[in-house]
């Protein structure tokens, strides 16, 4: 009889262990499904603005098509400045779509001694001859060689140009890719720039602090600068070779 109870107890423990194992597996499977679902949802939130295969969704500023000086090479869009430039002509490009609150992610690299920029909030209107007349700029620069880097830290790579300097230098050398993430959130009145995994710039938006920054910058008297919460994304022709790739945006 005692042997019978021992066998019954062992059987009960084995059954309980099996049930617990099944329960743990079900919980793990549920958690894995939840993580996978969240990852898929997060990935689906991104809109590809440039996938490396075409210029769809982009055009020249105040133009109907892409300037011929922008080329597709190895999954990137690369700007080659002309050897001779018609007077007053520029080859800045903008997204066809406008955005308000967003996270913009892209990679850029610039040639030695090169200069370019990333704009947001661009009002494409003949009243404004250049994207920078309305759109604030995140600086793209070879800090080691371009003279603008010597004009103050608010002119260095990753800066909110002429307004907010990076808290540290995170830029890679000329010819190397940099990952830039620009967040613009008017709902929270805050923006930020992360370069190569480091948040190096934060700035206010649409409030007295923003107005104070503008008033102390070269843009103080510019009628349309920073006035448009909804606007286009722009990439700058500053006369130097520059490349961009993996451009995507997530609306907030």
Protein backbone atom coordinates (compact mmCIF):
# COMPACT_ATOMS: atom_id res chain seq x y z
CA UNK A 1 0.00 0.00 0.00
CA UNK A 2 2.82 2.40 0.92
CA UNK A 3 4.44 1.71 -2.46
CA UNK A 4 1.17 2.58 -4.17
CA UNK A 5 1.01 6.00 -2.47
CA UNK A 6 4.61 6.71 -3.39
CA UNK A 7 3.90 5.94 -7.04
CA UNK A 8 0.76 8.09 -6.92
CA UNK A 9 2.71 10.98 -5.42
CA UNK A 10 5.44 10.69 -8.03
CA UNK A 11 2.85 10.58 -10.80
CA UNK A 12 1.10 13.67 -9.41
CA UNK A 13 4.39 15.61 -9.26
CA UNK A 14 5.26 14.62 -12.82
CA UNK A 15 1.84 15.73 -14.04
CA UNK A 16 2.15 19.05 -12.19
CA UNK A 17 5.61 19.61 -13.68
CA UNK A 18 4.27 18.90 -17.17
CA UNK A 19 1.42 21.34 -16.68
CA UNK A 20 3.80 24.01 -15.40
CA UNK A 21 6.15 23.45 -18.34
CA UNK A 22 3.27 23.79 -20.79
CA UNK A 23 2.13 26.95 -19.02
CA UNK A 24 5.63 28.46 -19.17
CA UNK A 25 5.91 27.59 -22.86
CA UNK A 26 2.53 29.22 -23.53
CA UNK A 27 3.60 32.37 -21.66
CA UNK A 28 6.92 32.49 -23.54
CA UNK A 29 5.13 31.98 -26.85
CA UNK A 30 2.66 34.76 -26.01
CA UNK A 31 5.47 37.12 -25.03
CA UNK A 32 7.40 36.28 -28.21
CA UNK A 33 4.30 36.87 -30.34
CA UNK A 34 3.74 40.20 -28.56
CA UNK A 35 7.34 41.30 -29.14
CA UNK A 36 7.20 40.21 -32.78
CA UNK A 37 3.89 42.01 -33.28
CA UNK A 38 5.27 45.18 -31.66
CA UNK A 39 8.40 45.01 -33.83
CA UNK A 40 6.31 44.59 -36.97
CA UNK A 41 4.05 47.47 -35.97
CA UNK A 42 7.06 49.65 -35.19
CA UNK A 43 8.69 48.81 -38.52
CA UNK A 44 5.44 49.49 -40.35
CA UNK A 45 5.29 52.97 -38.79
CA UNK A 46 8.28 54.03 -40.90
CA UNK A 47 7.80 55.53 -44.34
CA UNK A 48 10.70 55.01 -46.74
CA UNK A 49 11.54 58.36 -48.33
CA UNK A 50 14.47 56.91 -50.26
CA UNK A 51 15.19 53.19 -50.63
CA UNK A 52 18.24 53.47 -52.85
CA UNK A 53 16.57 52.41 -56.08
CA UNK A 54 14.87 55.56 -57.40
CA UNK A 55 14.26 59.25 -56.75
CA UNK A 56 10.51 58.69 -56.35
CA UNK A 57 9.15 61.18 -53.82
CA UNK A 58 11.92 63.76 -54.41
CA UNK A 59 12.38 66.71 -56.72
CA UNK A 60 14.36 69.89 -57.13
CA UNK A 61 13.28 72.84 -55.01
CA UNK A 62 10.80 74.92 -57.06
CA UNK A 63 11.23 72.41 -59.87
CA UNK A 64 9.13 69.55 -61.22
CA UNK A 65 11.91 66.97 -61.44
CA UNK A 66 15.19 65.92 -59.90
CA UNK A 67 18.28 67.90 -60.95
CA UNK A 68 20.63 65.86 -63.13
CA UNK A 69 23.52 66.50 -60.72
CA UNK A 70 22.00 64.03 -58.25
CA UNK A 71 22.93 60.43 -59.10
CA UNK A 72 21.98 56.97 -57.84
CA UNK A 73 25.07 55.03 -56.73
CA UNK A 74 25.30 51.89 -54.59
CA UNK A 75 21.96 52.51 -52.85
CA UNK A 76 22.66 56.18 -52.17
CA UNK A 77 21.74 59.50 -53.73
CA UNK A 78 24.92 61.41 -54.45
CA UNK A 79 25.26 65.07 -55.38
CA UNK A 80 28.02 66.13 -57.75
CA UNK A 81 28.41 69.89 -58.11
CA UNK A 82 28.62 71.17 -61.69
CA UNK A 83 31.96 72.31 -63.06
CA UNK A 84 30.20 75.46 -64.26
CA UNK A 85 27.14 76.77 -62.47
CA UNK A 86 24.70 79.20 -64.09
CA UNK A 87 24.43 82.37 -62.03
CA UNK A 88 21.88 82.00 -59.24
CA UNK A 89 21.26 78.32 -59.98
CA UNK A 90 21.13 75.79 -57.13
CA UNK A 91 20.31 72.11 -56.96
CA UNK A 92 18.71 71.69 -53.55
CA UNK A 93 16.13 68.92 -53.39
CA UNK A 94 12.97 68.44 -51.31
CA UNK A 95 10.54 65.67 -50.48
CA UNK A 96 7.28 65.81 -52.37
CA UNK A 97 5.41 65.13 -49.13
CA UNK A 98 5.20 67.55 -46.20
CA UNK A 99 5.42 66.54 -42.53
CA UNK A 100 4.69 68.10 -39.13
CA UNK A 101 5.67 65.91 -36.16
CA UNK A 102 8.14 63.17 -37.02
CA UNK A 103 11.34 61.23 -36.50
CA UNK A 104 13.61 61.38 -39.57
CA UNK A 105 16.38 58.80 -39.89
CA UNK A 106 19.06 58.87 -42.58
CA UNK A 107 22.72 58.27 -43.26
CA UNK A 108 25.05 60.85 -44.81
CA UNK A 109 28.66 61.18 -45.80
CA UNK A 110 30.48 64.17 -47.19
CA UNK A 111 33.65 64.50 -49.25
CA UNK A 112 36.81 65.98 -47.74
CA UNK A 113 36.24 69.67 -47.08
CA UNK A 114 32.54 69.22 -47.86
CA UNK A 115 29.45 71.04 -46.63
CA UNK A 116 25.72 70.28 -46.91
CA UNK A 117 22.62 70.27 -44.74
CA UNK A 118 19.32 68.64 -43.81
CA UNK A 119 16.26 70.89 -43.65
CA UNK A 120 12.77 70.48 -42.29
CA UNK A 121 9.70 72.73 -42.33
CA UNK A 122 10.37 73.99 -45.86
CA UNK A 123 7.65 76.09 -47.45
CA UNK A 124 8.07 75.54 -51.18
CA UNK A 125 6.96 78.88 -52.58
CA UNK A 126 8.48 81.13 -55.22
CA UNK A 127 8.39 83.83 -52.58
CA UNK A 128 11.28 82.00 -50.94
CA UNK A 129 14.11 81.41 -53.39
CA UNK A 130 15.98 78.81 -51.30
CA UNK A 131 14.94 76.07 -48.84
CA UNK A 132 16.98 77.66 -46.05
CA UNK A 133 14.82 80.78 -46.16
CA UNK A 134 12.10 78.83 -44.34
CA UNK A 135 13.61 75.53 -43.22
CA UNK A 136 15.91 75.23 -40.19
CA UNK A 137 19.05 73.24 -40.96
CA UNK A 138 20.95 70.40 -39.35
CA UNK A 139 24.57 70.87 -40.38
CA UNK A 140 26.36 68.30 -42.55
CA UNK A 141 30.09 69.09 -42.57
CA UNK A 142 33.67 67.90 -42.63
CA UNK A 143 34.59 69.48 -39.30
CA UNK A 144 38.29 68.84 -39.82
CA UNK A 145 38.70 70.67 -43.11
CA UNK A 146 35.78 72.96 -43.90
CA UNK A 147 36.35 76.56 -42.72
CA UNK A 148 32.76 76.92 -41.49
CA UNK A 149 33.65 74.63 -38.57
CA UNK A 150 35.91 77.43 -37.33
CA UNK A 151 33.01 79.91 -37.28
CA UNK A 152 31.69 78.63 -33.96
CA UNK A 153 30.33 75.34 -32.67
CA UNK A 154 26.83 76.13 -33.95
CA UNK A 155 28.26 75.66 -37.45
CA UNK A 156 29.71 72.20 -36.81
CA UNK A 157 28.34 68.82 -37.89
CA UNK A 158 25.04 67.94 -36.24
CA UNK A 159 24.34 71.48 -35.04
CA UNK A 160 21.01 73.22 -35.45
CA UNK A 161 22.76 75.62 -37.75
CA UNK A 162 23.72 78.97 -36.22
CA UNK A 163 21.40 78.29 -33.27
CA UNK A 164 22.33 75.28 -31.10
CA UNK A 165 25.77 73.63 -30.90
CA UNK A 166 26.38 69.91 -30.35
CA UNK A 167 27.19 69.02 -26.74
CA UNK A 168 29.95 66.75 -28.06
CA UNK A 169 31.57 65.87 -31.36
CA UNK A 170 30.15 62.61 -32.69
CA UNK A 171 30.80 62.99 -36.42
CA UNK A 172 32.83 60.45 -38.35
CA UNK A 173 35.67 61.42 -40.67
CA UNK A 174 34.96 62.72 -44.15
CA UNK A 175 34.14 59.87 -46.52
CA UNK A 176 32.58 57.76 -43.75
CA UNK A 177 28.86 57.25 -43.20
CA UNK A 178 27.08 58.99 -40.33
CA UNK A 179 23.67 58.03 -38.97
CA UNK A 180 21.53 61.07 -38.15
CA UNK A 181 18.16 60.97 -36.38
CA UNK A 182 16.19 64.21 -36.28
CA UNK A 183 13.10 64.43 -34.06
CA UNK A 184 10.67 67.31 -34.50
CA UNK A 185 7.69 67.33 -32.15
CA UNK A 186 5.63 70.50 -32.06
CA UNK A 187 3.10 68.84 -29.76
CA UNK A 188 5.79 68.61 -27.08
CA UNK A 189 7.56 71.80 -28.29
CA UNK A 190 10.83 69.90 -28.49
CA UNK A 191 13.30 68.73 -31.10
CA UNK A 192 16.56 66.77 -31.00
CA UNK A 193 19.43 65.49 -33.11
CA UNK A 194 21.24 62.19 -32.54
CA UNK A 195 24.42 61.52 -34.49
CA UNK A 196 25.95 58.05 -34.58
CA UNK A 197 23.95 56.93 -31.56
CA UNK A 198 24.56 59.99 -29.38
CA UNK A 199 22.00 62.71 -28.69
CA UNK A 200 24.06 65.84 -29.29
CA UNK A 201 21.48 68.60 -29.76
CA UNK A 202 18.13 69.43 -28.18
CA UNK A 203 16.09 72.51 -28.95
CA UNK A 204 12.72 74.10 -28.15
CA UNK A 205 9.99 74.54 -30.74
CA UNK A 206 7.15 77.00 -31.24
CA UNK A 207 7.61 78.90 -27.99
CA UNK A 208 9.43 81.88 -26.48
CA UNK A 209 12.66 79.90 -26.17
CA UNK A 210 12.61 79.13 -29.90
CA UNK A 211 11.94 82.78 -30.71
CA UNK A 212 14.89 83.77 -28.52
CA UNK A 213 17.19 81.39 -30.41
CA UNK A 214 16.10 82.79 -33.76
CA UNK A 215 16.50 86.38 -32.56
CA UNK A 216 20.18 85.73 -31.73
CA UNK A 217 20.92 84.01 -35.06
CA UNK A 218 21.56 85.17 -38.63
CA UNK A 219 17.91 84.37 -39.33
CA UNK A 220 16.48 87.01 -37.00
CA UNK A 221 15.17 89.26 -39.77
CA UNK A 222 14.16 86.49 -42.18
CA UNK A 223 10.43 86.72 -42.70
CA UNK A 224 9.64 83.04 -43.23
CA UNK A 225 12.35 81.28 -41.27
CA UNK A 226 11.02 78.55 -38.98
CA UNK A 227 7.45 79.78 -39.38
CA UNK A 228 5.92 76.65 -40.90
CA UNK A 229 5.20 73.69 -38.65
CA UNK A 230 4.17 71.61 -41.65
CA UNK A 231 6.76 71.55 -44.40
CA UNK A 232 9.00 69.49 -46.63
CA UNK A 233 12.29 67.75 -45.89
CA UNK A 234 15.24 69.14 -47.85
CA UNK A 235 18.81 68.17 -48.72
CA UNK A 236 21.29 70.89 -49.58
CA UNK A 237 23.50 71.66 -52.54
CA UNK A 238 26.35 73.59 -50.95
CA UNK A 239 28.71 73.06 -53.86
CA UNK A 240 30.37 69.89 -52.53
CA UNK A 241 30.03 66.16 -53.09
CA UNK A 242 27.65 64.64 -50.53
CA UNK A 243 25.70 61.38 -50.30
CA UNK A 244 22.55 60.27 -48.47
CA UNK A 245 20.96 56.84 -48.05
CA UNK A 246 18.41 54.85 -46.02
CA UNK A 247 16.12 57.84 -45.61
CA UNK A 248 12.96 57.04 -43.66
CA UNK A 249 10.48 58.94 -41.53
CA UNK A 250 8.03 58.08 -38.77
CA UNK A 251 5.15 60.46 -38.10
CA UNK A 252 4.38 61.19 -34.45
